[in-house]
PDB file of N, CA and C in Angstrom:
ATOM      1  N   MET A   1     143.617 126.197 220.388  1.00  0.00           N
ATOM      2  CA  MET A   1     142.815 126.016 221.582  1.00  0.00           C
ATOM      3  C   MET A   1     143.747 125.725 222.765  1.00  0.00           C
ATOM      4  N   PRO A   2     143.674 126.518 223.832  1.00  0.00           N
ATOM      5  CA  PRO A   2     144.564 126.296 224.978  1.00  0.00           C
ATOM      6  C   PRO A   2     144.207 125.016 225.724  1.00  0.00           C
ATOM      7  N   ASP A   3     145.212 124.438 226.367  1.00  0.00           N
ATOM      8  CA  ASP A   3     144.999 123.213 227.131  1.00  0.00           C
ATOM      9  C   ASP A   3     144.377 123.570 228.479  1.00  0.00           C
ATOM     10  N   ASN A   4     143.097 123.266 228.648  1.00  0.00           N
ATOM     11  CA  ASN A   4     142.370 123.599 229.879  1.00  0.00           C
ATOM     12  C   ASN A   4     142.879 122.839 231.098  1.00  0.00           C
ATOM     13  N   ARG A   5     143.574 121.745 230.877  1.00  0.00           N
ATOM     14  CA  ARG A   5     144.075 120.964 232.000  1.00  0.00           C
ATOM     15  C   ARG A   5     145.067 121.753 232.843  1.00  0.00           C
ATOM     16  N   LYS A   6     145.845 122.587 232.212  1.00  0.00           N
ATOM     17  CA  LYS A   6     146.843 123.364 232.952  1.00  0.00           C
ATOM     18  C   LYS A   6     146.194 124.488 233.759  1.00  0.00           C
ATOM     19  N   GLN A   7     144.973 124.867 233.421  1.00  0.00           N
ATOM     20  CA  GLN A   7     144.284 125.954 234.112  1.00  0.00           C
ATOM     21  C   GLN A   7     143.437 125.464 235.285  1.00  0.00           C
ATOM     22  N   LEU A   8     143.042 124.200 235.257  1.00  0.00           N
ATOM     23  CA  LEU A   8     142.165 123.661 236.293  1.00  0.00           C
ATOM     24  C   LEU A   8     142.861 123.664 237.647  1.00  0.00           C
ATOM     25  N   ARG A   9     142.116 124.065 238.670  1.00  0.00           N
ATOM     26  CA  ARG A   9     142.640 124.052 240.035  1.00  0.00           C
ATOM     27  C   ARG A   9     141.512 123.680 240.967  1.00  0.00           C
ATOM     28  N   GLY A  10     141.888 123.174 242.138  1.00  0.00           N
ATOM     29  CA  GLY A  10     140.845 122.781 243.058  1.00  0.00           C
ATOM     30  C   GLY A  10     141.370 122.040 244.262  1.00  0.00           C
ATOM     31  N   THR A  11     140.467 121.303 244.902  1.00  0.00           N
ATOM     32  CA  THR A  11     140.762 120.594 246.137  1.00  0.00           C
ATOM     33  C   THR A  11     140.444 119.117 245.959  1.00  0.00           C
ATOM     34  N   ILE A  12     141.308 118.277 246.523  1.00  0.00           N
ATOM     35  CA  ILE A  12     141.094 116.847 246.499  1.00  0.00           C
ATOM     36  C   ILE A  12     141.050 116.351 247.941  1.00  0.00           C
ATOM     37  N   LEU A  13     139.937 115.720 248.301  1.00  0.00           N
ATOM     38  CA  LEU A  13     139.764 115.151 249.640  1.00  0.00           C
ATOM     39  C   LEU A  13     139.991 113.648 249.558  1.00  0.00           C
ATOM     40  N   ALA A  14     140.807 113.122 250.477  1.00  0.00           N
ATOM     41  CA  ALA A  14     141.102 111.695 250.464  1.00  0.00           C
ATOM     42  C   ALA A  14     141.067 111.129 251.876  1.00  0.00           C
ATOM     43  N   GLU A  15     140.737 109.847 251.965  1.00  0.00           N
ATOM     44  CA  GLU A  15     140.683 109.176 253.259  1.00  0.00           C
ATOM     45  C   GLU A  15     142.061 108.886 253.841  1.00  0.00           C
ATOM     46  N   ASP A  16     143.037 108.618 252.956  1.00  0.00           N
ATOM     47  CA  ASP A  16     144.353 108.223 253.453  1.00  0.00           C
ATOM     48  C   ASP A  16     145.452 108.667 252.493  1.00  0.00           C
ATOM     49  N   ARG A  17     146.699 108.512 252.922  1.00  0.00           N
ATOM     50  CA  ARG A  17     147.857 108.937 252.120  1.00  0.00           C
ATOM     51  C   ARG A  17     147.990 108.137 250.826  1.00  0.00           C
ATOM     52  N   ARG A  18     147.603 106.874 250.851  1.00  0.00           N
ATOM     53  CA  ARG A  18     147.701 106.061 249.637  1.00  0.00           C
ATOM     54  C   ARG A  18     146.789 106.628 248.549  1.00  0.00           C
ATOM     55  N   THR A  19     145.576 106.978 248.923  1.00  0.00           N
ATOM     56  CA  THR A  19     144.645 107.560 247.958  1.00  0.00           C
ATOM     57  C   THR A  19     145.148 108.917 247.480  1.00  0.00           C
ATOM     58  N   GLU A  20     145.696 109.701 248.391  1.00  0.00           N
ATOM     59  CA  GLU A  20     146.265 110.988 248.009  1.00  0.00           C
ATOM     60  C   GLU A  20     147.379 110.799 246.987  1.00  0.00           C
ATOM     61  N   ARG A  21     148.312 109.877 247.219  1.00  0.00           N
ATOM     62  CA  ARG A  21     149.413 109.622 246.277  1.00  0.00           C
ATOM     63  C   ARG A  21     148.877 109.170 244.922  1.00  0.00           C
ATOM     64  N   PHE A  22     147.835 108.330 244.958  1.00  0.00           N
ATOM     65  CA  PHE A  22     147.236 107.864 243.707  1.00  0.00           C
ATOM     66  C   PHE A  22     146.759 109.049 242.873  1.00  0.00           C
ATOM     67  N   PHE A  23     146.039 109.981 243.496  1.00  0.00           N
ATOM     68  CA  PHE A  23     145.511 111.114 242.740  1.00  0.00           C
ATOM     69  C   PHE A  23     146.611 112.086 242.313  1.00  0.00           C
ATOM     70  N   ARG A  24     147.655 112.239 243.109  1.00  0.00           N
ATOM     71  CA  ARG A  24     148.786 113.067 242.687  1.00  0.00           C
ATOM     72  C   ARG A  24     149.409 112.514 241.403  1.00  0.00           C
ATOM     73  N   GLU A  25     149.656 111.205 241.398  1.00  0.00           N
ATOM     74  CA  GLU A  25     150.256 110.578 240.215  1.00  0.00           C
ATOM     75  C   GLU A  25     149.302 110.582 239.027  1.00  0.00           C
ATOM     76  N   LEU A  26     148.021 110.362 239.280  1.00  0.00           N
ATOM     77  CA  LEU A  26     147.032 110.368 238.199  1.00  0.00           C
ATOM     78  C   LEU A  26     146.959 111.743 237.540  1.00  0.00           C
ATOM     79  N   LEU A  27     146.948 112.794 238.336  1.00  0.00           N
ATOM     80  CA  LEU A  27     146.905 114.151 237.776  1.00  0.00           C
ATOM     81  C   LEU A  27     148.086 114.415 236.863  1.00  0.00           C
ATOM     82  N   VAL A  28     149.276 114.034 237.295  1.00  0.00           N
ATOM     83  CA  VAL A  28     150.468 114.237 236.471  1.00  0.00           C
ATOM     84  C   VAL A  28     150.357 113.419 235.188  1.00  0.00           C
ATOM     85  N   HIS A  29     149.950 112.165 235.313  1.00  0.00           N
ATOM     86  CA  HIS A  29     149.820 111.284 234.148  1.00  0.00           C
ATOM     87  C   HIS A  29     148.824 111.844 233.123  1.00  0.00           C
ATOM     88  N   LEU A  30     147.757 112.461 233.610  1.00  0.00           N
ATOM     89  CA  LEU A  30     146.738 113.003 232.711  1.00  0.00           C
ATOM     90  C   LEU A  30     147.051 114.414 232.208  1.00  0.00           C
ATOM     91  N   GLY A  31     148.175 114.979 232.658  1.00  0.00           N
ATOM     92  CA  GLY A  31     148.598 116.279 232.143  1.00  0.00           C
ATOM     93  C   GLY A  31     148.150 117.484 232.938  1.00  0.00           C
ATOM     94  N   PHE A  32     147.687 117.279 234.161  1.00  0.00           N
ATOM     95  CA  PHE A  32     147.287 118.397 235.011  1.00  0.00           C
ATOM     96  C   PHE A  32     148.498 118.899 235.792  1.00  0.00           C
ATOM     97  N   ASP A  33     148.429 120.136 236.234  1.00  0.00           N
ATOM     98  CA  ASP A  33     149.479 120.713 237.070  1.00  0.00           C
ATOM     99  C   ASP A  33     149.101 120.462 238.528  1.00  0.00           C
ATOM    100  N   LYS A  34     149.744 119.486 239.160  1.00  0.00           N
ATOM    101  CA  LYS A  34     149.343 119.100 240.522  1.00  0.00           C
ATOM    102  C   LYS A  34     149.616 120.191 241.540  1.00  0.00           C
ATOM    103  N   ARG A  35     150.436 121.177 241.198  1.00  0.00           N
ATOM    104  CA  ARG A  35     150.701 122.289 242.121  1.00  0.00           C
ATOM    105  C   ARG A  35     149.500 123.208 242.270  1.00  0.00           C
ATOM    106  N   LYS A  36     148.536 123.087 241.371  1.00  0.00           N
ATOM    107  CA  LYS A  36     147.334 123.925 241.441  1.00  0.00           C
ATOM    108  C   LYS A  36     146.224 123.281 242.263  1.00  0.00           C
ATOM    109  N   PHE A  37     146.526 122.146 242.872  1.00  0.00           N
ATOM    110  CA  PHE A  37     145.541 121.426 243.671  1.00  0.00           C
ATOM    111  C   PHE A  37     145.950 121.431 245.133  1.00  0.00           C
ATOM    112  N   ILE A  38     144.957 121.543 245.999  1.00  0.00           N
ATOM    113  CA  ILE A  38     145.166 121.422 247.437  1.00  0.00           C
ATOM    114  C   ILE A  38     144.703 120.019 247.820  1.00  0.00           C
ATOM    115  N   PHE A  39     145.573 119.281 248.459  1.00  0.00           N
ATOM    116  CA  PHE A  39     145.245 117.924 248.896  1.00  0.00           C
ATOM    117  C   PHE A  39     144.960 117.958 250.386  1.00  0.00           C
ATOM    118  N   LYS A  40     143.779 117.474 250.745  1.00  0.00           N
ATOM    119  CA  LYS A  40     143.395 117.389 252.153  1.00  0.00           C
ATOM    120  C   LYS A  40     143.110 115.925 252.452  1.00  0.00           C
ATOM    121  N   THR A  41     143.845 115.407 253.425  1.00  0.00           N
ATOM    122  CA  THR A  41     143.739 113.993 253.773  1.00  0.00           C
ATOM    123  C   THR A  41     143.289 113.859 255.221  1.00  0.00           C
ATOM    124  N   ALA A  42     142.410 112.904 255.462  1.00  0.00           N
ATOM    125  CA  ALA A  42     141.895 112.672 256.821  1.00  0.00           C
ATOM    126  C   ALA A  42     143.045 112.390 257.776  1.00  0.00           C
ATOM    127  N   PRO A  43     142.981 112.962 258.974  1.00  0.00           N
ATOM    128  CA  PRO A  43     144.029 112.687 259.957  1.00  0.00           C
ATOM    129  C   PRO A  43     144.020 111.212 260.362  1.00  0.00           C
ATOM    130  N   SER A  44     145.183 110.625 260.374  1.00  0.00           N
ATOM    131  CA  SER A  44     145.328 109.211 260.700  1.00  0.00           C
ATOM    132  C   SER A  44     145.027 108.946 262.175  1.00  0.00           C
ATOM    133  N   GLY A  45     144.243 107.890 262.435  1.00  0.00           N
ATOM    134  CA  GLY A  45     143.944 107.480 263.798  1.00  0.00           C
ATOM    135  C   GLY A  45     142.998 108.386 264.563  1.00  0.00           C
ATOM    136  N   LYS A  46     142.240 109.214 263.835  1.00  0.00           N
ATOM    137  CA  LYS A  46     141.324 110.160 264.493  1.00  0.00           C
ATOM    138  C   LYS A  46     139.866 109.841 264.207  1.00  0.00           C
ATOM    139  N   GLY A  47     139.534 108.560 264.066  1.00  0.00           N
ATOM    140  CA  GLY A  47     138.141 108.194 263.823  1.00  0.00           C
ATOM    141  C   GLY A  47     137.900 107.784 262.385  1.00  0.00           C
ATOM    142  N   ASP A  48     136.645 107.774 261.999  1.00  0.00           N
ATOM    143  CA  ASP A  48     136.216 107.327 260.676  1.00  0.00           C
ATOM    144  C   ASP A  48     136.628 108.324 259.601  1.00  0.00           C
ATOM    145  N   ALA A  49     137.548 107.885 258.732  1.00  0.00           N
ATOM    146  CA  ALA A  49     138.040 108.766 257.667  1.00  0.00           C
ATOM    147  C   ALA A  49     136.944 109.068 256.649  1.00  0.00           C
ATOM    148  N   GLY A  50     136.047 108.106 256.415  1.00  0.00           N
ATOM    149  CA  GLY A  50     134.937 108.345 255.490  1.00  0.00           C
ATOM    150  C   GLY A  50     134.025 109.449 255.982  1.00  0.00           C
ATOM    151  N   ALA A  51     133.774 109.472 257.276  1.00  0.00           N
ATOM    152  CA  ALA A  51     132.955 110.540 257.865  1.00  0.00           C
ATOM    153  C   ALA A  51     133.662 111.880 257.733  1.00  0.00           C
ATOM    154  N   TRP A  52     134.980 111.878 257.908  1.00  0.00           N
ATOM    155  CA  TRP A  52     135.764 113.108 257.752  1.00  0.00           C
ATOM    156  C   TRP A  52     135.610 113.658 256.329  1.00  0.00           C
ATOM    157  N   VAL A  53     135.703 112.767 255.335  1.00  0.00           N
ATOM    158  CA  VAL A  53     135.562 113.197 253.932  1.00  0.00           C
ATOM    159  C   VAL A  53     134.178 113.794 253.703  1.00  0.00           C
ATOM    160  N   ARG A  54     133.131 113.162 254.247  1.00  0.00           N
ATOM    161  CA  ARG A  54     131.768 113.688 254.064  1.00  0.00           C
ATOM    162  C   ARG A  54     131.617 115.082 254.660  1.00  0.00           C
ATOM    163  N   VAL A  55     132.169 115.305 255.844  1.00  0.00           N
ATOM    164  CA  VAL A  55     132.081 116.624 256.490  1.00  0.00           C
ATOM    165  C   VAL A  55     132.869 117.662 255.686  1.00  0.00           C
ATOM    166  N   GLN A  56     134.080 117.297 255.284  1.00  0.00           N
ATOM    167  CA  GLN A  56     134.908 118.225 254.513  1.00  0.00           C
ATOM    168  C   GLN A  56     134.270 118.549 253.165  1.00  0.00           C
ATOM    169  N   TYR A  57     133.607 117.563 252.573  1.00  0.00           N
ATOM    170  CA  TYR A  57     132.956 117.769 251.281  1.00  0.00           C
ATOM    171  C   TYR A  57     131.929 118.897 251.368  1.00  0.00           C
ATOM    172  N   VAL A  58     131.109 118.874 252.390  1.00  0.00           N
ATOM    173  CA  VAL A  58     130.087 119.911 252.562  1.00  0.00           C
ATOM    174  C   VAL A  58     130.751 121.279 252.708  1.00  0.00           C
ATOM    175  N   GLU A  59     131.809 121.357 253.506  1.00  0.00           N
ATOM    176  CA  GLU A  59     132.510 122.626 253.701  1.00  0.00           C
ATOM    177  C   GLU A  59     133.138 123.121 252.397  1.00  0.00           C
ATOM    178  N   GLU A  60     133.729 122.211 251.636  1.00  0.00           N
ATOM    179  CA  GLU A  60     134.375 122.599 250.375  1.00  0.00           C
ATOM    180  C   GLU A  60     133.354 123.029 249.318  1.00  0.00           C
ATOM    181  N   VAL A  61     132.209 122.369 249.280  1.00  0.00           N
ATOM    182  CA  VAL A  61     131.152 122.784 248.343  1.00  0.00           C
ATOM    183  C   VAL A  61     130.701 124.200 248.666  1.00  0.00           C
ATOM    184  N   ASN A  62     130.538 124.498 249.946  1.00  0.00           N
ATOM    185  CA  ASN A  62     130.151 125.855 250.339  1.00  0.00           C
ATOM    186  C   ASN A  62     131.205 126.873 249.922  1.00  0.00           C
ATOM    187  N   LEU A  63     132.489 126.528 250.050  1.00  0.00           N
ATOM    188  CA  LEU A  63     133.557 127.433 249.605  1.00  0.00           C
ATOM    189  C   LEU A  63     133.507 127.638 248.086  1.00  0.00           C
ATOM    190  N   LEU A  64     133.276 126.554 247.348  1.00  0.00           N
ATOM    191  CA  LEU A  64     133.179 126.672 245.889  1.00  0.00           C
ATOM    192  C   LEU A  64     132.019 127.572 245.475  1.00  0.00           C
ATOM    193  N   ARG A  65     130.925 127.462 246.165  1.00  0.00           N
ATOM    194  CA  ARG A  65     129.759 128.291 245.836  1.00  0.00           C
ATOM    195  C   ARG A  65     130.052 129.769 246.067  1.00  0.00           C
ATOM    196  N   GLN A  66     130.915 130.078 247.024  1.00  0.00           N
ATOM    197  CA  GLN A  66     131.309 131.467 247.261  1.00  0.00           C
ATOM    198  C   GLN A  66     132.219 131.984 246.150  1.00  0.00           C
ATOM    199  N   LYS A  67     132.874 131.069 245.435  1.00  0.00           N
ATOM    200  CA  LYS A  67     133.815 131.444 244.377  1.00  0.00           C
ATOM    201  C   LYS A  67     133.233 131.180 242.993  1.00  0.00           C
ATOM    202  N   LYS A  68     131.911 131.176 242.875  1.00  0.00           N
ATOM    203  CA  LYS A  68     131.283 130.780 241.614  1.00  0.00           C
ATOM    204  C   LYS A  68     131.626 131.699 240.440  1.00  0.00           C
ATOM    205  N   TYR A  69     132.145 132.873 240.724  1.00  0.00           N
ATOM    206  CA  TYR A  69     132.541 133.789 239.659  1.00  0.00           C
ATOM    207  C   TYR A  69     133.870 133.365 239.025  1.00  0.00           C
ATOM    208  N   GLN A  70     134.624 132.496 239.685  1.00  0.00           N
ATOM    209  CA  GLN A  70     135.911 132.055 239.170  1.00  0.00           C
ATOM    210  C   GLN A  70     135.733 130.885 238.210  1.00  0.00           C
ATOM    211  N   GLN A  71     136.655 130.743 237.303  1.00  0.00           N
ATOM    212  CA  GLN A  71     136.604 129.699 236.288  1.00  0.00           C
ATOM    213  C   GLN A  71     137.530 128.544 236.666  1.00  0.00           C
ATOM    214  N   SER A  72     137.286 127.395 236.115  1.00  0.00           N
ATOM    215  CA  SER A  72     138.165 126.227 236.191  1.00  0.00           C
ATOM    216  C   SER A  72     138.436 125.744 237.611  1.00  0.00           C
ATOM    217  N   LEU A  73     137.401 125.701 238.438  1.00  0.00           N
ATOM    218  CA  LEU A  73     137.531 125.184 239.803  1.00  0.00           C
ATOM    219  C   LEU A  73     136.913 123.795 239.872  1.00  0.00           C
ATOM    220  N   CYS A  74     137.483 122.940 240.719  1.00  0.00           N
ATOM    221  CA  CYS A  74     136.908 121.610 240.870  1.00  0.00           C
ATOM    222  C   CYS A  74     137.075 121.112 242.297  1.00  0.00           C
ATOM    223  N   LEU A  75     136.311 120.101 242.628  1.00  0.00           N
ATOM    224  CA  LEU A  75     136.401 119.418 243.915  1.00  0.00           C
ATOM    225  C   LEU A  75     136.277 117.937 243.639  1.00  0.00           C
ATOM    226  N   LEU A  76     137.221 117.167 244.172  1.00  0.00           N
ATOM    227  CA  LEU A  76     137.180 115.729 244.032  1.00  0.00           C
ATOM    228  C   LEU A  76     137.259 115.128 245.434  1.00  0.00           C
ATOM    229  N   ALA A  77     136.313 114.260 245.767  1.00  0.00           N
ATOM    230  CA  ALA A  77     136.308 113.595 247.067  1.00  0.00           C
ATOM    231  C   ALA A  77     136.365 112.093 246.825  1.00  0.00           C
ATOM    232  N   ALA A  78     137.320 111.425 247.498  1.00  0.00           N
ATOM    233  CA  ALA A  78     137.513 109.994 247.273  1.00  0.00           C
ATOM    234  C   ALA A  78     137.408 109.219 248.574  1.00  0.00           C
ATOM    235  N   ARG A  79     136.606 108.165 248.533  1.00  0.00           N
ATOM    236  CA  ARG A  79     136.503 107.229 249.656  1.00  0.00           C
ATOM    237  C   ARG A  79     136.842 105.851 249.111  1.00  0.00           C
ATOM    238  N   ASP A  80     137.535 105.048 249.896  1.00  0.00           N
ATOM    239  CA  ASP A  80     137.978 103.754 249.385  1.00  0.00           C
ATOM    240  C   ASP A  80     136.938 102.647 249.524  1.00  0.00           C
ATOM    241  N   GLY A  81     135.909 102.836 250.291  1.00  0.00           N
ATOM    242  CA  GLY A  81     134.830 101.857 250.380  1.00  0.00           C
ATOM    243  C   GLY A  81     135.175 100.606 251.159  1.00  0.00           C
ATOM    244  N   ASP A  82     136.212 100.653 251.994  1.00  0.00           N
ATOM    245  CA  ASP A  82     136.609  99.456 252.721  1.00  0.00           C
ATOM    246  C   ASP A  82     135.568  98.995 253.737  1.00  0.00           C
ATOM    247  N   ARG A  83     134.674  99.852 254.134  1.00  0.00           N
ATOM    248  CA  ARG A  83     133.608  99.461 255.073  1.00  0.00           C
ATOM    249  C   ARG A  83     132.455  98.772 254.350  1.00  0.00           C
ATOM    250  N   ASP A  84     132.330  98.992 253.040  1.00  0.00           N
ATOM    251  CA  ASP A  84     131.212  98.464 252.279  1.00  0.00           C
ATOM    252  C   ASP A  84     131.490  97.104 251.668  1.00  0.00           C
ATOM    253  N   GLY A  85     132.748  96.684 251.645  1.00  0.00           N
ATOM    254  CA  GLY A  85     133.096  95.401 251.071  1.00  0.00           C
ATOM    255  C   GLY A  85     133.318  95.487 249.576  1.00  0.00           C
ATOM    256  N   PHE A  86     133.497  94.351 248.992  1.00  0.00           N
ATOM    257  CA  PHE A  86     133.836  94.230 247.569  1.00  0.00           C
ATOM    258  C   PHE A  86     132.627  93.696 246.808  1.00  0.00           C
ATOM    259  N   ALA A  87     132.379  94.263 245.662  1.00  0.00           N
ATOM    260  CA  ALA A  87     131.266  93.792 244.839  1.00  0.00           C
ATOM    261  C   ALA A  87     131.725  93.653 243.391  1.00  0.00           C
ATOM    262  N   ILE A  88     131.273  92.620 242.757  1.00  0.00           N
ATOM    263  CA  ILE A  88     131.582  92.413 241.332  1.00  0.00           C
ATOM    264  C   ILE A  88     130.353  92.831 240.530  1.00  0.00           C
ATOM    265  N   LEU A  89     130.545  93.756 239.628  1.00  0.00           N
ATOM    266  CA  LEU A  89     129.445  94.225 238.780  1.00  0.00           C
ATOM    267  C   LEU A  89     129.533  93.515 237.438  1.00  0.00           C
ATOM    268  N   ARG A  90     128.431  92.992 236.989  1.00  0.00           N
ATOM    269  CA  ARG A  90     128.409  92.289 235.713  1.00  0.00           C
ATOM    270  C   ARG A  90     127.361  92.933 234.802  1.00  0.00           C
ATOM    271  N   ALA A  91     127.733  93.047 233.568  1.00  0.00           N
ATOM    272  CA  ALA A  91     126.796  93.571 232.581  1.00  0.00           C
ATOM    273  C   ALA A  91     125.743  92.512 232.288  1.00  0.00           C
ATOM    274  N   GLY A  92     124.510  92.939 232.147  1.00  0.00           N
ATOM    275  CA  GLY A  92     123.424  92.122 232.037  1.00  0.00           C
ATOM    276  C   GLY A  92     123.012  91.137 231.145  1.00  0.00           C
TER     277      GLY A  92
END
């Protein structure tokens, strides 16, 4: 059975460079080929990065839908949640 991780390609949207670096390292650690991914990061100092990710997400989903005949495509969008604060989740 071939390793599907090496075939996966796609786009990763991030709010900042730190998040982008995190996902680059995570992909390598998990065995993905990071050269098959396009990293798009919100421009620094140009307004709300979370809003930028939301707008880019819609555009990227539309692009993916145009390529639905292709295999092994993905889209990952990451927001750090710094505007929402910190919450502790506890099991019930």
